Structures are given as structure tokens and as C-alpha cells.
All heavy atoms as atom14 arrays in JSON, in Angstrom:
{
  "sequence": "IRIRPATDWSSYDPAVVRWRLDGEQRTAHLRELS",
  "atom14_mask": [
    [1, 1, 1, 1, 1, 1, 1, 1, 0, 0, 0, 0, 0, 0],
    [1, 1, 1, 1, 1, 1, 1, 1, 1, 1, 1, 0, 0, 0],
    [1, 1, 1, 1, 1, 1, 1, 1, 0, 0, 0, 0, 0, 0],
    [1, 1, 1, 1, 1, 1, 1, 1, 1, 1, 1, 0, 0, 0],
    [1, 1, 1, 1, 1, 1, 1, 0, 0, 0, 0, 0, 0, 0],
    [1, 1, 1, 1, 1, 0, 0, 0, 0, 0, 0, 0, 0, 0],
    [1, 1, 1, 1, 1, 1, 1, 0, 0, 0, 0, 0, 0, 0],
    [1, 1, 1, 1, 1, 1, 1, 1, 0, 0, 0, 0, 0, 0],
    [1, 1, 1, 1, 1, 1, 1, 1, 1, 1, 1, 1, 1, 1],
    [1, 1, 1, 1, 1, 1, 0, 0, 0, 0, 0, 0, 0, 0],
    [1, 1, 1, 1, 1, 1, 0, 0, 0, 0, 0, 0, 0, 0],
    [1, 1, 1, 1, 1, 1, 1, 1, 1, 1, 1, 1, 0, 0],
    [1, 1, 1, 1, 1, 1, 1, 1, 0, 0, 0, 0, 0, 0],
    [1, 1, 1, 1, 1, 1, 1, 0, 0, 0, 0, 0, 0, 0],
    [1, 1, 1, 1, 1, 0, 0, 0, 0, 0, 0, 0, 0, 0],
    [1, 1, 1, 1, 1, 1, 1, 0, 0, 0, 0, 0, 0, 0],
    [1, 1, 1, 1, 1, 1, 1, 0, 0, 0, 0, 0, 0, 0],
    [1, 1, 1, 1, 1, 1, 1, 1, 1, 1, 1, 0, 0, 0],
    [1, 1, 1, 1, 1, 1, 1, 1, 1, 1, 1, 1, 1, 1],
    [1, 1, 1, 1, 1, 1, 1, 1, 1, 1, 1, 0, 0, 0],
    [1, 1, 1, 1, 1, 1, 1, 1, 0, 0, 0, 0, 0, 0],
    [1, 1, 1, 1, 1, 1, 1, 1, 0, 0, 0, 0, 0, 0],
    [1, 1, 1, 1, 0, 0, 0, 0, 0, 0, 0, 0, 0, 0],
    [1, 1, 1, 1, 1, 1, 1, 1, 1, 0, 0, 0, 0, 0],
    [1, 1, 1, 1, 1, 1, 1, 1, 1, 0, 0, 0, 0, 0],
    [1, 1, 1, 1, 1, 1, 1, 1, 1, 1, 1, 0, 0, 0],
    [1, 1, 1, 1, 1, 1, 1, 0, 0, 0, 0, 0, 0, 0],
    [1, 1, 1, 1, 1, 0, 0, 0, 0, 0, 0, 0, 0, 0],
    [1, 1, 1, 1, 1, 1, 1, 1, 1, 1, 0, 0, 0, 0],
    [1, 1, 1, 1, 1, 1, 1, 1, 0, 0, 0, 0, 0, 0],
    [1, 1, 1, 1, 1, 1, 1, 1, 1, 1, 1, 0, 0, 0],
    [1, 1, 1, 1, 1, 1, 1, 1, 1, 0, 0, 0, 0, 0],
    [1, 1, 1, 1, 1, 1, 1, 1, 0, 0, 0, 0, 0, 0],
    [1, 1, 1, 1, 1, 1, 0, 0, 0, 0, 0, 0, 0, 0]
  ],
  "atom14_positions": [
    [[-208.35, -80.59, -42.34], [-208.42, -79.22, -42.85], [-207.44, -79.1, -44.0], [-206.22, -79.2, -43.8], [-208.1, -78.2, -41.74], [-209.08, -78.38, -40.57], [-208.13, -76.76, -42.27], [-208.47, -78.03, -39.23], [0.0, 0.0, 0.0], [0.0, 0.0, 0.0], [0.0, 0.0, 0.0], [0.0, 0.0, 0.0], [0.0, 0.0, 0.0], [0.0, 0.0, 0.0]],
    [[-207.93, -78.92, -45.2], [-207.09, -78.95, -46.38], [-206.87, -77.54, -46.93], [-207.83, -76.75, -47.02], [-207.7, -79.84, -47.46], [-206.82, -80.04, -48.7], [-207.51, -80.99, -49.7], [-208.71, -80.39, -50.24], [-208.74, -79.57, -51.3], [-207.63, -79.23, -51.89], [-209.91, -79.11, -51.71], [0.0, 0.0, 0.0], [0.0, 0.0, 0.0], [0.0, 0.0, 0.0]],
    [[-205.62, -77.25, -47.32], [-205.31, -75.95, -47.91], [-205.83, -75.93, -49.35], [-205.53, -76.82, -50.15], [-203.78, -75.71, -47.92], [-203.19, -75.87, -46.52], [-203.51, -74.29, -48.46], [-203.76, -74.99, -45.46], [0.0, 0.0, 0.0], [0.0, 0.0, 0.0], [0.0, 0.0, 0.0], [0.0, 0.0, 0.0], [0.0, 0.0, 0.0], [0.0, 0.0, 0.0]],
    [[-206.6, -74.92, -49.68], [-207.21, -74.84, -50.99], [-206.28, -74.15, -51.98], [-205.39, -73.39, -51.6], [-208.54, -74.07, -50.91], [-209.58, -74.74, -50.05], [-210.85, -73.99, -49.91], [-211.59, -73.94, -51.2], [-212.86, -73.56, -51.29], [-213.55, -73.24, -50.17], [-213.47, -73.51, -52.46], [0.0, 0.0, 0.0], [0.0, 0.0, 0.0], [0.0, 0.0, 0.0]],
    [[-206.46, -74.39, -53.28], [-205.61, -73.74, -54.29], [-205.84, -72.26, -54.36], [-206.94, -71.76, -53.99], [-206.0, -74.44, -55.61], [-207.36, -74.97, -55.34], [-207.42, -75.34, -53.88], [0.0, 0.0, 0.0], [0.0, 0.0, 0.0], [0.0, 0.0, 0.0], [0.0, 0.0, 0.0], [0.0, 0.0, 0.0], [0.0, 0.0, 0.0], [0.0, 0.0, 0.0]],
    [[-204.85, -71.51, -54.86], [-204.95, -70.05, -54.91], [-206.14, -69.58, -55.74], [-206.7, -68.52, -55.5], [-203.66, -69.47, -55.49], [0.0, 0.0, 0.0], [0.0, 0.0, 0.0], [0.0, 0.0, 0.0], [0.0, 0.0, 0.0], [0.0, 0.0, 0.0], [0.0, 0.0, 0.0], [0.0, 0.0, 0.0], [0.0, 0.0, 0.0], [0.0, 0.0, 0.0]],
    [[-206.53, -70.38, -56.72], [-207.68, -70.0, -57.57], [-208.98, -69.97, -56.8], [-209.98, -69.39, -57.27], [-207.8, -70.98, -58.75], [-207.81, -72.34, -58.25], [-206.67, -70.81, -59.76], [0.0, 0.0, 0.0], [0.0, 0.0, 0.0], [0.0, 0.0, 0.0], [0.0, 0.0, 0.0], [0.0, 0.0, 0.0], [0.0, 0.0, 0.0], [0.0, 0.0, 0.0]],
    [[-209.01, -70.61, -55.62], [-210.23, -70.6, -54.79], [-210.29, -69.44, -53.81], [-211.37, -69.16, -53.26], [-210.32, -71.91, -53.98], [-210.62, -73.13, -54.84], [-210.92, -72.96, -56.03], [-210.55, -74.25, -54.32], [0.0, 0.0, 0.0], [0.0, 0.0, 0.0], [0.0, 0.0, 0.0], [0.0, 0.0, 0.0], [0.0, 0.0, 0.0], [0.0, 0.0, 0.0]],
    [[-209.17, -68.81, -53.56], [-209.12, -67.78, -52.52], [-210.08, -66.63, -52.81], [-210.33, -66.29, -54.0], [-207.71, -67.23, -52.37], [-206.67, -68.23, -52.0], [-206.9, -69.48, -51.49], [-205.25, -68.06, -52.11], [-205.68, -70.12, -51.29], [-204.66, -69.29, -51.65], [-204.43, -67.03, -52.53], [-203.29, -69.46, -51.59], [-203.07, -67.23, -52.51], [-202.51, -68.43, -52.04]],
    [[-210.57, -65.98, -51.76], [-211.41, -64.79, -51.92], [-210.49, -63.59, -52.21], [-210.04, -62.9, -51.3], [-212.2, -64.54, -50.66], [-213.08, -65.63, -50.37], [0.0, 0.0, 0.0], [0.0, 0.0, 0.0], [0.0, 0.0, 0.0], [0.0, 0.0, 0.0], [0.0, 0.0, 0.0], [0.0, 0.0, 0.0], [0.0, 0.0, 0.0], [0.0, 0.0, 0.0]],
    [[-210.28, -63.35, -53.49], [-209.26, -62.38, -53.91], [-209.54, -60.95, -53.45], [-208.61, -60.15, -53.32], [-209.11, -62.4, -55.43], [-208.7, -63.66, -55.86], [0.0, 0.0, 0.0], [0.0, 0.0, 0.0], [0.0, 0.0, 0.0], [0.0, 0.0, 0.0], [0.0, 0.0, 0.0], [0.0, 0.0, 0.0], [0.0, 0.0, 0.0], [0.0, 0.0, 0.0]],
    [[-210.81, -60.64, -53.21], [-211.17, -59.29, -52.79], [-211.27, -59.13, -51.28], [-211.61, -58.06, -50.8], [-212.5, -58.85, -53.45], [-212.4, -58.72, -54.95], [-212.84, -59.74, -55.78], [-211.83, -57.6, -55.53], [-212.77, -59.61, -57.16], [-211.73, -57.47, -56.9], [-212.2, -58.49, -57.72], [-212.09, -58.37, -59.06], [0.0, 0.0, 0.0], [0.0, 0.0, 0.0]],
    [[-211.0, -60.18, -50.55], [-211.01, -60.09, -49.1], [-209.83, -59.24, -48.66], [-208.68, -59.48, -49.04], [-210.91, -61.49, -48.48], [-211.02, -61.46, -46.98], [-210.04, -61.04, -46.3], [-212.08, -61.86, -46.47], [0.0, 0.0, 0.0], [0.0, 0.0, 0.0], [0.0, 0.0, 0.0], [0.0, 0.0, 0.0], [0.0, 0.0, 0.0], [0.0, 0.0, 0.0]],
    [[-210.04, -58.2, -47.85], [-208.94, -57.29, -47.45], [-207.75, -58.02, -46.8], [-206.61, -57.64, -47.06], [-209.61, -56.33, -46.46], [-211.05, -56.29, -46.86], [-211.35, -57.7, -47.34], [0.0, 0.0, 0.0], [0.0, 0.0, 0.0], [0.0, 0.0, 0.0], [0.0, 0.0, 0.0], [0.0, 0.0, 0.0], [0.0, 0.0, 0.0], [0.0, 0.0, 0.0]],
    [[-208.02, -59.01, -45.98], [-206.93, -59.72, -45.35], [-206.11, -60.52, -46.38], [-204.89, -60.55, -46.29], [-207.45, -60.69, -44.26], [0.0, 0.0, 0.0], [0.0, 0.0, 0.0], [0.0, 0.0, 0.0], [0.0, 0.0, 0.0], [0.0, 0.0, 0.0], [0.0, 0.0, 0.0], [0.0, 0.0, 0.0], [0.0, 0.0, 0.0], [0.0, 0.0, 0.0]],
    [[-206.78, -61.11, -47.36], [-206.07, -61.85, -48.39], [-205.22, -60.9, -49.21], [-204.05, -61.18, -49.54], [-207.06, -62.61, -49.31], [-206.33, -63.26, -50.48], [-207.79, -63.68, -48.49], [0.0, 0.0, 0.0], [0.0, 0.0, 0.0], [0.0, 0.0, 0.0], [0.0, 0.0, 0.0], [0.0, 0.0, 0.0], [0.0, 0.0, 0.0], [0.0, 0.0, 0.0]],
    [[-205.75, -59.72, -49.53], [-204.99, -58.69, -50.25], [-203.77, -58.3, -49.44], [-202.65, -58.23, -49.97], [-205.87, -57.45, -50.53], [-205.04, -56.31, -51.08], [-207.0, -57.79, -51.49], [0.0, 0.0, 0.0], [0.0, 0.0, 0.0], [0.0, 0.0, 0.0], [0.0, 0.0, 0.0], [0.0, 0.0, 0.0], [0.0, 0.0, 0.0], [0.0, 0.0, 0.0]],
    [[-203.96, -58.05, -48.13], [-202.85, -57.64, -47.28], [-201.78, -58.73, -47.19], [-200.58, -58.43, -47.3], [-203.4, -57.33, -45.88], [-202.36, -56.74, -44.92], [-202.96, -56.53, -43.52], [-204.34, -56.12, -43.61], [-205.33, -56.79, -43.07], [-205.14, -57.9, -42.38], [-206.58, -56.35, -43.16], [0.0, 0.0, 0.0], [0.0, 0.0, 0.0], [0.0, 0.0, 0.0]],
    [[-202.21, -59.96, -47.02], [-201.24, -61.04, -46.91], [-200.48, -61.26, -48.21], [-199.27, -61.55, -48.2], [-201.92, -62.34, -46.47], [-202.5, -62.31, -45.11], [-202.06, -61.49, -44.06], [-203.6, -63.04, -44.58], [-202.85, -61.7, -42.96], [-203.79, -62.65, -43.24], [-204.45, -64.01, -45.13], [-204.78, -63.18, -42.43], [-205.44, -64.55, -44.34], [-205.6, -64.17, -42.99]],
    [[-201.14, -61.09, -49.34], [-200.45, -61.22, -50.61], [-199.43, -60.08, -50.8], [-198.36, -60.28, -51.35], [-201.47, -61.25, -51.77], [-202.28, -62.51, -51.8], [-203.2, -62.55, -53.02], [-202.44, -62.75, -54.24], [-202.98, -62.72, -55.47], [-204.28, -62.49, -55.62], [-202.23, -62.9, -56.55], [0.0, 0.0, 0.0], [0.0, 0.0, 0.0], [0.0, 0.0, 0.0]],
    [[-199.81, -58.89, -50.36], [-198.88, -57.76, -50.48], [-197.69, -57.91, -49.52], [-196.64, -57.33, -49.76], [-199.61, -56.43, -50.19], [-200.58, -55.96, -51.26], [-201.31, -54.72, -50.82], [-199.85, -55.71, -52.58], [0.0, 0.0, 0.0], [0.0, 0.0, 0.0], [0.0, 0.0, 0.0], [0.0, 0.0, 0.0], [0.0, 0.0, 0.0], [0.0, 0.0, 0.0]],
    [[-197.88, -58.68, -48.48], [-196.76, -58.94, -47.53], [-195.79, -59.99, -48.08], [-194.69, -60.15, -47.53], [-197.32, -59.4, -46.18], [-197.96, -58.3, -45.4], [-197.72, -57.13, -45.71], [-198.71, -58.62, -44.44], [0.0, 0.0, 0.0], [0.0, 0.0, 0.0], [0.0, 0.0, 0.0], [0.0, 0.0, 0.0], [0.0, 0.0, 0.0], [0.0, 0.0, 0.0]],
    [[-196.2, -60.73, -49.11], [-195.4, -61.87, -49.56], [-194.42, -61.5, -50.66], [-194.26, -60.37, -51.11], [0.0, 0.0, 0.0], [0.0, 0.0, 0.0], [0.0, 0.0, 0.0], [0.0, 0.0, 0.0], [0.0, 0.0, 0.0], [0.0, 0.0, 0.0], [0.0, 0.0, 0.0], [0.0, 0.0, 0.0], [0.0, 0.0, 0.0], [0.0, 0.0, 0.0]],
    [[-193.75, -62.55, -51.18], [-192.71, -62.37, -52.16], [-193.28, -61.95, -53.54], [-192.53, -61.41, -54.35], [-191.91, -63.67, -52.32], [-191.09, -64.02, -51.08], [-190.29, -65.28, -51.26], [-190.38, -65.91, -52.33], [-189.52, -65.64, -50.32], [0.0, 0.0, 0.0], [0.0, 0.0, 0.0], [0.0, 0.0, 0.0], [0.0, 0.0, 0.0], [0.0, 0.0, 0.0]],
    [[-194.54, -62.24, -53.76], [-195.15, -61.87, -55.04], [-195.84, -60.49, -54.98], [-196.72, -60.18, -55.76], [-196.2, -62.93, -55.45], [-195.63, -64.31, -55.62], [-194.53, -64.34, -56.68], [-194.71, -63.78, -57.77], [-193.4, -64.98, -56.36], [0.0, 0.0, 0.0], [0.0, 0.0, 0.0], [0.0, 0.0, 0.0], [0.0, 0.0, 0.0], [0.0, 0.0, 0.0]],
    [[-195.35, -59.67, -54.07], [-195.95, -58.35, -53.81], [-196.03, -57.52, -55.1], [-197.1, -56.93, -55.4], [-195.11, -57.61, -52.77], [-195.58, -56.16, -52.52], [-194.65, -55.47, -51.54], [-194.49, -56.29, -50.38], [-193.31, -56.62, -49.85], [-192.2, -56.17, -50.4], [-193.23, -57.38, -48.76], [0.0, 0.0, 0.0], [0.0, 0.0, 0.0], [0.0, 0.0, 0.0]],
    [[-194.96, -57.44, -55.84], [-194.94, -56.57, -57.04], [-195.99, -57.0, -58.06], [-196.72, -56.17, -58.6], [-193.55, -56.6, -57.68], [-192.6, -56.1, -56.72], [-193.51, -55.69, -58.9], [0.0, 0.0, 0.0], [0.0, 0.0, 0.0], [0.0, 0.0, 0.0], [0.0, 0.0, 0.0], [0.0, 0.0, 0.0], [0.0, 0.0, 0.0], [0.0, 0.0, 0.0]],
    [[-196.06, -58.31, -58.29], [-197.04, -58.81, -59.29], [-198.47, -58.53, -58.81], [-199.33, -58.13, -59.58], [-196.84, -60.28, -59.51], [0.0, 0.0, 0.0], [0.0, 0.0, 0.0], [0.0, 0.0, 0.0], [0.0, 0.0, 0.0], [0.0, 0.0, 0.0], [0.0, 0.0, 0.0], [0.0, 0.0, 0.0], [0.0, 0.0, 0.0], [0.0, 0.0, 0.0]],
    [[-198.71, -58.74, -57.48], [-200.07, -58.52, -56.99], [-200.43, -57.03, -56.98], [-201.55, -56.66, -57.29], [-200.2, -59.08, -55.58], [-201.61, -59.11, -55.07], [-202.68, -59.49, -55.82], [-202.13, -58.72, -53.86], [-203.8, -59.38, -55.13], [-203.48, -58.89, -53.94], [0.0, 0.0, 0.0], [0.0, 0.0, 0.0], [0.0, 0.0, 0.0], [0.0, 0.0, 0.0]],
    [[-199.46, -56.19, -56.68], [-199.67, -54.75, -56.68], [-200.02, -54.3, -58.08], [-200.89, -53.45, -58.29], [-198.46, -54.03, -56.16], [-198.59, -52.52, -55.87], [-199.69, -52.27, -54.9], [-197.26, -51.95, -55.39], [0.0, 0.0, 0.0], [0.0, 0.0, 0.0], [0.0, 0.0, 0.0], [0.0, 0.0, 0.0], [0.0, 0.0, 0.0], [0.0, 0.0, 0.0]],
    [[-199.39, -54.92, -59.08], [-199.69, -54.56, -60.46], [-201.12, -54.97, -60.81], [-201.85, -54.2, -61.46], [-198.71, -55.27, -61.4], [-198.79, -54.79, -62.87], [-197.72, -55.44, -63.72], [-196.4, -55.11, -63.21], [-195.54, -55.98, -62.72], [-195.84, -57.28, -62.66], [-194.36, -55.61, -62.28], [0.0, 0.0, 0.0], [0.0, 0.0, 0.0], [0.0, 0.0, 0.0]],
    [[-201.54, -56.15, -60.38], [-202.9, -56.62, -60.61], [-203.92, -55.66, -59.98], [-204.91, -55.28, -60.59], [-203.14, -58.0, -60.02], [-202.41, -59.13, -60.71], [-202.62, -60.46, -60.02], [-203.01, -60.48, -58.84], [-202.42, -61.49, -60.68], [0.0, 0.0, 0.0], [0.0, 0.0, 0.0], [0.0, 0.0, 0.0], [0.0, 0.0, 0.0], [0.0, 0.0, 0.0]],
    [[-203.63, -55.26, -58.75], [-204.53, -54.37, -58.04], [-204.59, -52.99, -58.68], [-205.65, -52.34, -58.75], [-204.1, -54.25, -56.56], [-204.26, -55.5, -55.73], [-203.47, -55.43, -54.45], [-205.75, -55.73, -55.44], [0.0, 0.0, 0.0], [0.0, 0.0, 0.0], [0.0, 0.0, 0.0], [0.0, 0.0, 0.0], [0.0, 0.0, 0.0], [0.0, 0.0, 0.0]],
    [[-203.45, -52.54, -59.18], [-203.39, -51.23, -59.86], [-204.2, -51.28, -61.16], [-204.85, -50.3, -61.56], [-201.96, -50.85, -60.16], [-201.22, -50.7, -58.94], [0.0, 0.0, 0.0], [0.0, 0.0, 0.0], [0.0, 0.0, 0.0], [0.0, 0.0, 0.0], [0.0, 0.0, 0.0], [0.0, 0.0, 0.0], [0.0, 0.0, 0.0], [0.0, 0.0, 0.0]]
  ]
}
């Protein structure tokens, strides 16, 4: 089971959005979403 690169992630998946907002890059991701 291989971890895929971030460019492959389902960016609009609610769980992926939530996990990204929980992480250290929260501010940058929140800006993207805004």
C-alpha cells in the first residue's frame, strides 16, 4: 500500500479538506478554499 503524492489526492473530498485544515498548512489551505 503506497502513499500517493498530494497532487493525486481528492481535493474536494470533505475528509481531505478537514484533515488539511487540521494540519500545519491550515492557513494556506484556508486561503485556497476561500
